[in-house]
Amino acid sequence: AREPTEATTFAHFLAVHDHLQERGAMIYRLLQPLRAMLEHGVEIGSLWYGGTLALRGDMQFGELASAVLIAQSAFDGARYARATACAVSANALGPLTQMAGC
């Protein structure tokens, strides 16, 4: 007796769910370049600044490569720490909040 109502409700749920999935995918596609820019901004910035110095003659191009590598290795540690914190958060804190009933 309730089958038509349940079918309509479920169809509406699926339509809303699909719309939200499409919106989430669009937001992800828009934010992905920004995330890449934030993750690699140090390399890009140091390469730009070093390239400017090298073109002016204030730095040699060999020194530019060294400066970029130093900047990259300095921030690789920060990326590793962030990835570790995210993994701990997802794997440890998630189950803890579920156990606490949050």
N, C-alpha and C. Protein backbone atom coordinates (compact mmCIF):
# COMPACT_ATOMS: atom_id res chain seq x y z
N ALA A 1 0.81 -1.19 0.00
CA ALA A 1 0.00 0.00 0.00
C ALA A 1 0.86 1.26 0.00
N ARG A 2 2.05 1.18 0.63
CA ARG A 2 2.91 2.36 0.68
C ARG A 2 4.00 2.33 -0.41
N GLU A 3 3.95 1.35 -1.26
CA GLU A 3 5.02 1.21 -2.25
C GLU A 3 5.16 2.43 -3.16
N PRO A 4 4.08 3.01 -3.69
CA PRO A 4 4.26 4.20 -4.54
C PRO A 4 4.89 5.37 -3.77
N THR A 5 4.51 5.55 -2.52
CA THR A 5 5.08 6.64 -1.72
C THR A 5 6.55 6.38 -1.44
N GLU A 6 6.87 5.13 -1.08
CA GLU A 6 8.26 4.78 -0.80
C GLU A 6 9.11 4.92 -2.07
N ALA A 7 8.60 4.52 -3.20
CA ALA A 7 9.33 4.63 -4.46
C ALA A 7 9.59 6.09 -4.80
N THR A 8 8.58 6.94 -4.59
CA THR A 8 8.73 8.37 -4.86
C THR A 8 9.75 8.99 -3.92
N THR A 9 9.69 8.62 -2.64
CA THR A 9 10.63 9.15 -1.65
C THR A 9 12.06 8.71 -1.98
N PHE A 10 12.21 7.44 -2.35
CA PHE A 10 13.53 6.93 -2.69
C PHE A 10 14.06 7.58 -3.97
N ALA A 11 13.21 7.79 -4.95
CA ALA A 11 13.63 8.46 -6.18
C ALA A 11 14.07 9.90 -5.89
N HIS A 12 13.35 10.58 -5.01
CA HIS A 12 13.74 11.94 -4.61
C HIS A 12 15.09 11.92 -3.89
N PHE A 13 15.26 10.95 -2.99
CA PHE A 13 16.54 10.81 -2.29
C PHE A 13 17.68 10.61 -3.28
N LEU A 14 17.49 9.73 -4.26
CA LEU A 14 18.54 9.48 -5.25
C LEU A 14 18.85 10.73 -6.06
N ALA A 15 17.83 11.49 -6.42
CA ALA A 15 18.06 12.72 -7.19
C ALA A 15 18.85 13.73 -6.38
N VAL A 16 18.50 13.90 -5.11
CA VAL A 16 19.23 14.83 -4.25
C VAL A 16 20.65 14.34 -4.04
N HIS A 17 20.81 13.04 -3.82
CA HIS A 17 22.15 12.46 -3.62
C HIS A 17 23.02 12.66 -4.85
N ASP A 18 22.48 12.41 -6.03
CA ASP A 18 23.23 12.62 -7.26
C ASP A 18 23.64 14.08 -7.43
N HIS A 19 22.71 14.99 -7.11
CA HIS A 19 23.01 16.42 -7.21
C HIS A 19 24.15 16.80 -6.26
N LEU A 20 24.10 16.29 -5.03
CA LEU A 20 25.16 16.60 -4.07
C LEU A 20 26.50 15.99 -4.50
N GLN A 21 26.47 14.81 -5.07
CA GLN A 21 27.70 14.18 -5.57
C GLN A 21 28.31 15.00 -6.70
N GLU A 22 27.45 15.48 -7.60
CA GLU A 22 27.94 16.31 -8.70
C GLU A 22 28.53 17.62 -8.18
N ARG A 23 27.89 18.23 -7.20
CA ARG A 23 28.38 19.47 -6.61
C ARG A 23 29.72 19.23 -5.91
N GLY A 24 29.83 18.12 -5.18
CA GLY A 24 31.09 17.79 -4.50
C GLY A 24 32.20 17.56 -5.51
N ALA A 25 31.90 16.89 -6.60
CA ALA A 25 32.91 16.65 -7.64
C ALA A 25 33.35 17.96 -8.28
N MET A 26 32.41 18.87 -8.49
CA MET A 26 32.76 20.16 -9.08
C MET A 26 33.65 20.96 -8.13
N ILE A 27 33.32 20.97 -6.86
CA ILE A 27 34.14 21.69 -5.88
C ILE A 27 35.53 21.09 -5.82
N TYR A 28 35.61 19.77 -5.85
CA TYR A 28 36.92 19.10 -5.84
C TYR A 28 37.74 19.51 -7.06
N ARG A 29 37.10 19.52 -8.24
CA ARG A 29 37.82 19.90 -9.46
C ARG A 29 38.30 21.35 -9.39
N LEU A 30 37.52 22.22 -8.77
CA LEU A 30 37.91 23.62 -8.66
C LEU A 30 39.03 23.82 -7.64
N LEU A 31 39.01 23.06 -6.57
CA LEU A 31 40.00 23.25 -5.51
C LEU A 31 41.29 22.48 -5.73
N GLN A 32 41.29 21.50 -6.61
CA GLN A 32 42.50 20.70 -6.84
C GLN A 32 43.68 21.55 -7.32
N PRO A 33 43.52 22.47 -8.27
CA PRO A 33 44.66 23.31 -8.65
C PRO A 33 45.15 24.20 -7.50
N LEU A 34 44.23 24.69 -6.69
CA LEU A 34 44.63 25.50 -5.54
C LEU A 34 45.44 24.68 -4.55
N ARG A 35 45.01 23.45 -4.32
CA ARG A 35 45.75 22.57 -3.41
C ARG A 35 47.15 22.29 -3.95
N ALA A 36 47.25 22.03 -5.24
CA ALA A 36 48.56 21.79 -5.83
C ALA A 36 49.44 23.03 -5.73
N MET A 37 48.83 24.20 -5.90
CA MET A 37 49.59 25.45 -5.78
C MET A 37 50.09 25.63 -4.35
N LEU A 38 49.25 25.32 -3.38
CA LEU A 38 49.67 25.45 -1.99
C LEU A 38 50.76 24.44 -1.64
N GLU A 39 50.64 23.24 -2.15
CA GLU A 39 51.63 22.21 -1.85
C GLU A 39 52.98 22.50 -2.50
N HIS A 40 52.96 23.07 -3.68
CA HIS A 40 54.20 23.30 -4.41
C HIS A 40 54.55 24.78 -4.53
N GLY A 41 53.88 25.61 -3.76
CA GLY A 41 54.12 27.04 -3.82
C GLY A 41 55.54 27.44 -3.45
N VAL A 42 56.14 26.71 -2.52
CA VAL A 42 57.51 27.03 -2.12
C VAL A 42 58.48 26.81 -3.28
N GLU A 43 58.32 25.68 -3.95
CA GLU A 43 59.19 25.43 -5.10
C GLU A 43 58.97 26.46 -6.20
N ILE A 44 57.71 26.77 -6.46
CA ILE A 44 57.40 27.74 -7.50
C ILE A 44 57.94 29.11 -7.14
N GLY A 45 57.71 29.51 -5.88
CA GLY A 45 58.19 30.82 -5.44
C GLY A 45 59.70 30.92 -5.43
N SER A 46 60.37 29.89 -4.93
CA SER A 46 61.83 29.94 -4.89
C SER A 46 62.42 29.88 -6.30
N LEU A 47 61.80 29.13 -7.19
CA LEU A 47 62.27 29.09 -8.57
C LEU A 47 62.07 30.43 -9.26
N TRP A 48 60.92 31.06 -9.02
CA TRP A 48 60.67 32.37 -9.61
C TRP A 48 61.66 33.41 -9.06
N TYR A 49 61.80 33.46 -7.75
CA TYR A 49 62.70 34.45 -7.14
C TYR A 49 64.15 34.19 -7.53
N GLY A 50 64.55 32.93 -7.48
CA GLY A 50 65.92 32.59 -7.89
C GLY A 50 66.16 32.85 -9.37
N GLY A 51 65.16 32.57 -10.19
CA GLY A 51 65.29 32.86 -11.62
C GLY A 51 65.44 34.35 -11.88
N THR A 52 64.69 35.15 -11.12
CA THR A 52 64.81 36.60 -11.24
C THR A 52 66.23 37.05 -10.86
N LEU A 53 66.74 36.49 -9.77
CA LEU A 53 68.10 36.84 -9.35
C LEU A 53 69.14 36.37 -10.37
N ALA A 54 68.93 35.18 -10.93
CA ALA A 54 69.88 34.65 -11.91
C ALA A 54 69.87 35.48 -13.19
N LEU A 55 68.69 35.91 -13.62
CA LEU A 55 68.62 36.73 -14.83
C LEU A 55 69.27 38.10 -14.63
N ARG A 56 69.21 38.62 -13.41
CA ARG A 56 69.86 39.90 -13.12
C ARG A 56 71.36 39.74 -12.91
N GLY A 57 71.82 38.52 -12.74
CA GLY A 57 73.23 38.28 -12.51
C GLY A 57 73.62 38.27 -11.04
N ASP A 58 72.65 38.34 -10.13
CA ASP A 58 72.94 38.32 -8.70
C ASP A 58 73.15 36.90 -8.18
N MET A 59 72.79 35.91 -8.98
CA MET A 59 72.94 34.50 -8.59
C MET A 59 73.28 33.71 -9.83
N GLN A 60 74.10 32.68 -9.68
CA GLN A 60 74.43 31.83 -10.81
C GLN A 60 73.33 30.77 -10.94
N PHE A 61 73.18 30.26 -12.14
CA PHE A 61 72.12 29.28 -12.38
C PHE A 61 72.36 27.99 -11.61
N GLY A 62 73.60 27.62 -11.36
CA GLY A 62 73.89 26.45 -10.53
C GLY A 62 73.45 26.66 -9.10
N GLU A 63 73.61 27.87 -8.61
CA GLU A 63 73.14 28.19 -7.26
C GLU A 63 71.61 28.15 -7.19
N LEU A 64 70.97 28.49 -8.28
CA LEU A 64 69.51 28.44 -8.33
C LEU A 64 69.00 27.02 -8.12
N ALA A 65 69.64 26.06 -8.78
CA ALA A 65 69.23 24.66 -8.60
C ALA A 65 69.41 24.23 -7.15
N SER A 66 70.51 24.63 -6.54
CA SER A 66 70.74 24.29 -5.14
C SER A 66 69.71 24.94 -4.22
N ALA A 67 69.37 26.19 -4.48
CA ALA A 67 68.39 26.89 -3.66
C ALA A 67 67.02 26.24 -3.75
N VAL A 68 66.64 25.83 -4.95
CA VAL A 68 65.34 25.17 -5.12
C VAL A 68 65.33 23.83 -4.40
N LEU A 69 66.40 23.07 -4.49
CA LEU A 69 66.46 21.78 -3.80
C LEU A 69 66.42 21.95 -2.28
N ILE A 70 67.10 22.97 -1.78
CA ILE A 70 67.07 23.22 -0.34
C ILE A 70 65.67 23.61 0.11
N ALA A 71 65.01 24.47 -0.63
CA ALA A 71 63.65 24.87 -0.28
C ALA A 71 62.70 23.67 -0.33
N GLN A 72 62.88 22.84 -1.34
CA GLN A 72 62.03 21.66 -1.49
C GLN A 72 62.25 20.69 -0.33
N SER A 73 63.48 20.42 0.01
CA SER A 73 63.74 19.47 1.09
C SER A 73 63.31 20.03 2.44
N ALA A 74 63.39 21.35 2.60
CA ALA A 74 62.97 21.95 3.86
C ALA A 74 61.47 21.77 4.08
N PHE A 75 60.69 21.85 3.03
CA PHE A 75 59.24 21.74 3.18
C PHE A 75 58.72 20.33 2.98
N ASP A 76 59.58 19.41 2.54
CA ASP A 76 59.15 18.01 2.48
C ASP A 76 58.87 17.48 3.88
N GLY A 77 59.65 17.93 4.87
CA GLY A 77 59.39 17.53 6.25
C GLY A 77 58.04 18.00 6.73
N ALA A 78 57.66 19.21 6.37
CA ALA A 78 56.36 19.74 6.76
C ALA A 78 55.23 18.96 6.07
N ARG A 79 55.43 18.59 4.82
CA ARG A 79 54.42 17.80 4.11
C ARG A 79 54.27 16.42 4.76
N TYR A 80 55.41 15.84 5.15
CA TYR A 80 55.37 14.53 5.80
C TYR A 80 54.63 14.61 7.14
N ALA A 81 54.90 15.66 7.90
CA ALA A 81 54.23 15.84 9.20
C ALA A 81 52.74 16.02 9.00
N ARG A 82 52.34 16.78 7.99
CA ARG A 82 50.92 16.98 7.71
C ARG A 82 50.25 15.67 7.32
N ALA A 83 50.90 14.90 6.46
CA ALA A 83 50.33 13.62 6.03
C ALA A 83 50.21 12.66 7.22
N THR A 84 51.19 12.66 8.10
CA THR A 84 51.14 11.81 9.28
C THR A 84 50.00 12.23 10.20
N ALA A 85 49.86 13.54 10.40
CA ALA A 85 48.78 14.04 11.26
C ALA A 85 47.42 13.70 10.67
N CYS A 86 47.28 13.79 9.35
CA CYS A 86 46.00 13.43 8.71
C CYS A 86 45.71 11.94 8.88
N ALA A 87 46.74 11.11 8.74
CA ALA A 87 46.55 9.67 8.89
C ALA A 87 46.17 9.33 10.32
N VAL A 88 46.83 9.95 11.29
CA VAL A 88 46.48 9.71 12.70
C VAL A 88 45.07 10.18 12.97
N SER A 89 44.72 11.33 12.45
CA SER A 89 43.38 11.86 12.66
C SER A 89 42.32 10.93 12.08
N ALA A 90 42.55 10.46 10.87
CA ALA A 90 41.56 9.61 10.21
C ALA A 90 41.48 8.23 10.84
N ASN A 91 42.64 7.66 11.22
CA ASN A 91 42.66 6.28 11.69
C ASN A 91 42.47 6.13 13.19
N ALA A 92 42.84 7.13 13.97
CA ALA A 92 42.74 7.00 15.42
C ALA A 92 41.59 7.81 15.98
N LEU A 93 41.48 9.04 15.57
CA LEU A 93 40.46 9.91 16.15
C LEU A 93 39.06 9.57 15.65
N GLY A 94 38.96 9.11 14.42
CA GLY A 94 37.66 8.73 13.89
C GLY A 94 37.00 7.64 14.71
N PRO A 95 37.68 6.51 14.96
CA PRO A 95 37.09 5.47 15.80
C PRO A 95 36.85 5.93 17.24
N LEU A 96 37.72 6.79 17.77
CA LEU A 96 37.50 7.29 19.13
C LEU A 96 36.23 8.10 19.23
N THR A 97 35.96 8.95 18.24
CA THR A 97 34.73 9.72 18.28
C THR A 97 33.51 8.84 18.10
N GLN A 98 33.66 7.76 17.33
CA GLN A 98 32.54 6.83 17.18
C GLN A 98 32.28 6.09 18.49
N MET A 99 33.36 5.71 19.18
CA MET A 99 33.18 5.03 20.47
C MET A 99 32.57 5.96 21.51
N ALA A 100 32.92 7.25 21.45
CA ALA A 100 32.38 8.19 22.41
C ALA A 100 30.94 8.56 22.07
N GLY A 101 30.51 8.20 20.87
CA GLY A 101 29.13 8.50 20.49
C GLY A 101 28.94 9.91 20.00
N CYS A 102 29.99 10.52 19.49
CA CYS A 102 29.90 11.90 18.99
C CYS A 102 29.31 11.93 17.61
